[in-house]
């Protein structure tokens, strides 16, 4: 896993895994320009795998244009539609505001009931 520590916030991270024939990019913390090199490498790794892509953003606390550029690149390189798991309302909002929801398969986990009880 690659991580960079922003001045004030959670470190951003990106990890590329395989899960049952799908390439999974797991993002966490602050996804911003501090993570640009790691996102670039992850995008190359995902493209090289040539499998369907799922992006897990459930641990993302912040996303700026670097995260959007990463998703856009995946949409251009991946076979089929990129599936994006979203649990943070802020991430969902940025995807909606930028029109990115039209290019991805958004799996909205922001309104699922709390299952801890």
C-alpha atoms as a PDB file:
ATOM      1  CA  UNK A   1       0.000   0.000   0.000  1.00  0.00           C
ATOM      2  CA  UNK A   2       1.236   3.473  -0.848  1.00  0.00           C
ATOM      3  CA  UNK A   3       0.571   6.394   1.479  1.00  0.00           C
ATOM      4  CA  UNK A   4       1.391  10.063   1.740  1.00  0.00           C
ATOM      5  CA  UNK A   5       0.764  12.151   4.854  1.00  0.00           C
ATOM      6  CA  UNK A   6      -0.898  15.509   4.248  1.00  0.00           C
ATOM      7  CA  UNK A   7      -0.077  18.370   6.612  1.00  0.00           C
ATOM      8  CA  UNK A   8      -3.402  18.048   8.424  1.00  0.00           C
ATOM      9  CA  UNK A   9      -5.545  14.993   7.778  1.00  0.00           C
ATOM     10  CA  UNK A  10      -5.474  11.293   7.165  1.00  0.00           C
ATOM     11  CA  UNK A  11      -2.834   9.911   4.841  1.00  0.00           C
ATOM     12  CA  UNK A  12      -4.032   9.161   1.353  1.00  0.00           C
ATOM     13  CA  UNK A  13      -3.578   5.632   0.068  1.00  0.00           C
ATOM     14  CA  UNK A  14      -4.244   3.549  -3.010  1.00  0.00           C
ATOM     15  CA  UNK A  15      -3.900  -0.185  -3.345  1.00  0.00           C
ATOM     16  CA  UNK A  16      -4.626  -2.393  -6.375  1.00  0.00           C
ATOM     17  CA  UNK A  17      -5.856  -5.932  -5.686  1.00  0.00           C
ATOM     18  CA  UNK A  18      -7.579  -8.751  -7.532  1.00  0.00           C
ATOM     19  CA  UNK A  19     -10.875 -10.181  -6.339  1.00  0.00           C
ATOM     20  CA  UNK A  20     -12.491 -13.031  -8.264  1.00  0.00           C
ATOM     21  CA  UNK A  21     -11.502 -11.820 -11.745  1.00  0.00           C
ATOM     22  CA  UNK A  22     -12.043  -8.140 -10.956  1.00  0.00           C
ATOM     23  CA  UNK A  23      -9.338  -5.559 -10.389  1.00  0.00           C
ATOM     24  CA  UNK A  24     -10.094  -3.572  -7.243  1.00  0.00           C
ATOM     25  CA  UNK A  25      -8.559  -0.171  -6.518  1.00  0.00           C
ATOM     26  CA  UNK A  26      -8.946   0.587  -2.813  1.00  0.00           C
ATOM     27  CA  UNK A  27      -8.685   4.279  -1.946  1.00  0.00           C
ATOM     28  CA  UNK A  28      -8.437   5.642   1.583  1.00  0.00           C
ATOM     29  CA  UNK A  29      -7.899   8.877   3.462  1.00  0.00           C
ATOM     30  CA  UNK A  30      -7.340  12.098   1.554  1.00  0.00           C
ATOM     31  CA  UNK A  31      -7.210  11.540  -2.203  1.00  0.00           C
ATOM     32  CA  UNK A  32      -5.523  14.669  -3.492  1.00  0.00           C
ATOM     33  CA  UNK A  33      -2.542  15.891  -5.489  1.00  0.00           C
ATOM     34  CA  UNK A  34      -0.133  14.599  -2.815  1.00  0.00           C
ATOM     35  CA  UNK A  35      -1.082  11.123  -4.023  1.00  0.00           C
ATOM     36  CA  UNK A  36      -0.781  11.884  -7.753  1.00  0.00           C
ATOM     37  CA  UNK A  37       2.210   9.602  -8.451  1.00  0.00           C
ATOM     38  CA  UNK A  38       0.649   6.684  -6.612  1.00  0.00           C
ATOM     39  CA  UNK A  39      -2.650   7.196  -8.447  1.00  0.00           C
ATOM     40  CA  UNK A  40      -0.799   7.306 -11.785  1.00  0.00           C
ATOM     41  CA  UNK A  41       0.953   4.016 -11.022  1.00  0.00           C
ATOM     42  CA  UNK A  42      -2.283   2.427  -9.810  1.00  0.00           C
ATOM     43  CA  UNK A  43      -4.039   3.468 -13.024  1.00  0.00           C
ATOM     44  CA  UNK A  44      -1.261   1.839 -15.069  1.00  0.00           C
ATOM     45  CA  UNK A  45      -1.534  -1.340 -12.969  1.00  0.00           C
ATOM     46  CA  UNK A  46      -5.313  -1.460 -13.408  1.00  0.00           C
ATOM     47  CA  UNK A  47      -5.051  -0.923 -17.179  1.00  0.00           C
ATOM     48  CA  UNK A  48      -2.377  -3.621 -17.497  1.00  0.00           C
ATOM     49  CA  UNK A  49      -4.618  -6.143 -15.714  1.00  0.00           C
ATOM     50  CA  UNK A  50      -7.299  -5.786 -18.416  1.00  0.00           C
ATOM     51  CA  UNK A  51     -10.110  -6.960 -16.142  1.00  0.00           C
ATOM     52  CA  UNK A  52     -13.361  -5.339 -14.987  1.00  0.00           C
ATOM     53  CA  UNK A  53     -12.697  -2.627 -12.395  1.00  0.00           C
ATOM     54  CA  UNK A  54     -14.202  -1.810  -9.027  1.00  0.00           C
ATOM     55  CA  UNK A  55     -13.059   1.210  -7.006  1.00  0.00           C
ATOM     56  CA  UNK A  56     -13.662   1.076  -3.261  1.00  0.00           C
ATOM     57  CA  UNK A  57     -13.877   4.597  -1.820  1.00  0.00           C
ATOM     58  CA  UNK A  58     -15.501   3.606   1.475  1.00  0.00           C
ATOM     59  CA  UNK A  59     -12.482   4.835   3.471  1.00  0.00           C
ATOM     60  CA  UNK A  60     -12.024   8.112   1.575  1.00  0.00           C
ATOM     61  CA  UNK A  61     -12.332  11.215   3.756  1.00  0.00           C
ATOM     62  CA  UNK A  62     -11.602  13.791   1.032  1.00  0.00           C
ATOM     63  CA  UNK A  63     -11.298  13.745  -2.756  1.00  0.00           C
ATOM     64  CA  UNK A  64     -10.246  16.504  -5.141  1.00  0.00           C
ATOM     65  CA  UNK A  65      -9.498  16.668  -8.855  1.00  0.00           C
ATOM     66  CA  UNK A  66      -6.657  14.134  -8.507  1.00  0.00           C
ATOM     67  CA  UNK A  67      -9.181  11.493  -7.463  1.00  0.00           C
ATOM     68  CA  UNK A  68     -11.564  12.496 -10.230  1.00  0.00           C
ATOM     69  CA  UNK A  69      -8.759  12.330 -12.800  1.00  0.00           C
ATOM     70  CA  UNK A  70      -7.902   8.839 -11.542  1.00  0.00           C
ATOM     71  CA  UNK A  71     -11.510   7.695 -11.970  1.00  0.00           C
ATOM     72  CA  UNK A  72     -11.733   9.302 -15.417  1.00  0.00           C
ATOM     73  CA  UNK A  73      -8.576   7.518 -16.531  1.00  0.00           C
ATOM     74  CA  UNK A  74      -9.934   4.196 -15.290  1.00  0.00           C
ATOM     75  CA  UNK A  75     -13.173   4.810 -17.205  1.00  0.00           C
ATOM     76  CA  UNK A  76     -11.147   5.327 -20.370  1.00  0.00           C
ATOM     77  CA  UNK A  77      -8.905   2.295 -19.903  1.00  0.00           C
ATOM     78  CA  UNK A  78     -11.116  -0.351 -18.286  1.00  0.00           C
ATOM     79  CA  UNK A  79     -13.183  -2.883 -20.185  1.00  0.00           C
ATOM     80  CA  UNK A  80     -16.812  -2.104 -19.385  1.00  0.00           C
ATOM     81  CA  UNK A  81     -18.137   0.357 -16.840  1.00  0.00           C
ATOM     82  CA  UNK A  82     -16.106   1.085 -13.711  1.00  0.00           C
ATOM     83  CA  UNK A  83     -18.016   0.271 -10.523  1.00  0.00           C
ATOM     84  CA  UNK A  84     -17.433   2.721  -7.658  1.00  0.00           C
ATOM     85  CA  UNK A  85     -18.431   1.898  -4.081  1.00  0.00           C
ATOM     86  CA  UNK A  86     -19.232   5.126  -2.225  1.00  0.00           C
ATOM     87  CA  UNK A  87     -20.025   5.431   1.485  1.00  0.00           C
ATOM     88  CA  UNK A  88     -19.065   9.054   2.198  1.00  0.00           C
ATOM     89  CA  UNK A  89     -21.652  11.712   1.320  1.00  0.00           C
ATOM     90  CA  UNK A  90     -18.837  14.119   0.371  1.00  0.00           C
ATOM     91  CA  UNK A  91     -17.446  11.691  -2.215  1.00  0.00           C
ATOM     92  CA  UNK A  92     -20.919  11.044  -3.615  1.00  0.00           C
ATOM     93  CA  UNK A  93     -21.523  14.792  -3.863  1.00  0.00           C
ATOM     94  CA  UNK A  94     -18.316  15.490  -5.802  1.00  0.00           C
ATOM     95  CA  UNK A  95     -19.121  12.656  -8.226  1.00  0.00           C
ATOM     96  CA  UNK A  96     -22.616  14.064  -8.761  1.00  0.00           C
ATOM     97  CA  UNK A  97     -21.501  17.704  -9.064  1.00  0.00           C
ATOM     98  CA  UNK A  98     -18.897  16.878 -11.700  1.00  0.00           C
ATOM     99  CA  UNK A  99     -21.150  14.578 -13.724  1.00  0.00           C
ATOM    100  CA  UNK A 100     -18.854  11.615 -13.076  1.00  0.00           C
ATOM    101  CA  UNK A 101     -21.899   9.545 -12.056  1.00  0.00           C
ATOM    102  CA  UNK A 102     -22.828   9.409 -15.737  1.00  0.00           C
ATOM    103  CA  UNK A 103     -19.576   7.582 -16.553  1.00  0.00           C
ATOM    104  CA  UNK A 104     -19.495   5.072 -13.685  1.00  0.00           C
ATOM    105  CA  UNK A 105     -21.657   2.440 -12.049  1.00  0.00           C
ATOM    106  CA  UNK A 106     -22.195   4.111  -8.657  1.00  0.00           C
ATOM    107  CA  UNK A 107     -22.930   1.752  -5.779  1.00  0.00           C
ATOM    108  CA  UNK A 108     -24.347   4.122  -3.162  1.00  0.00           C
ATOM    109  CA  UNK A 109     -23.681   2.862   0.342  1.00  0.00           C
ATOM    110  CA  UNK A 110     -24.336   6.238   2.006  1.00  0.00           C
ATOM    111  CA  UNK A 111     -27.908   5.425   2.936  1.00  0.00           C
ATOM    112  CA  UNK A 112     -27.608   1.799   3.999  1.00  0.00           C
ATOM    113  CA  UNK A 113     -28.896   1.148   7.513  1.00  0.00           C
ATOM    114  CA  UNK A 114     -26.468   0.827  10.389  1.00  0.00           C
ATOM    115  CA  UNK A 115     -25.941  -2.900  10.931  1.00  0.00           C
ATOM    116  CA  UNK A 116     -23.895  -2.657  14.121  1.00  0.00           C
ATOM    117  CA  UNK A 117     -26.900  -3.070  16.422  1.00  0.00           C
END
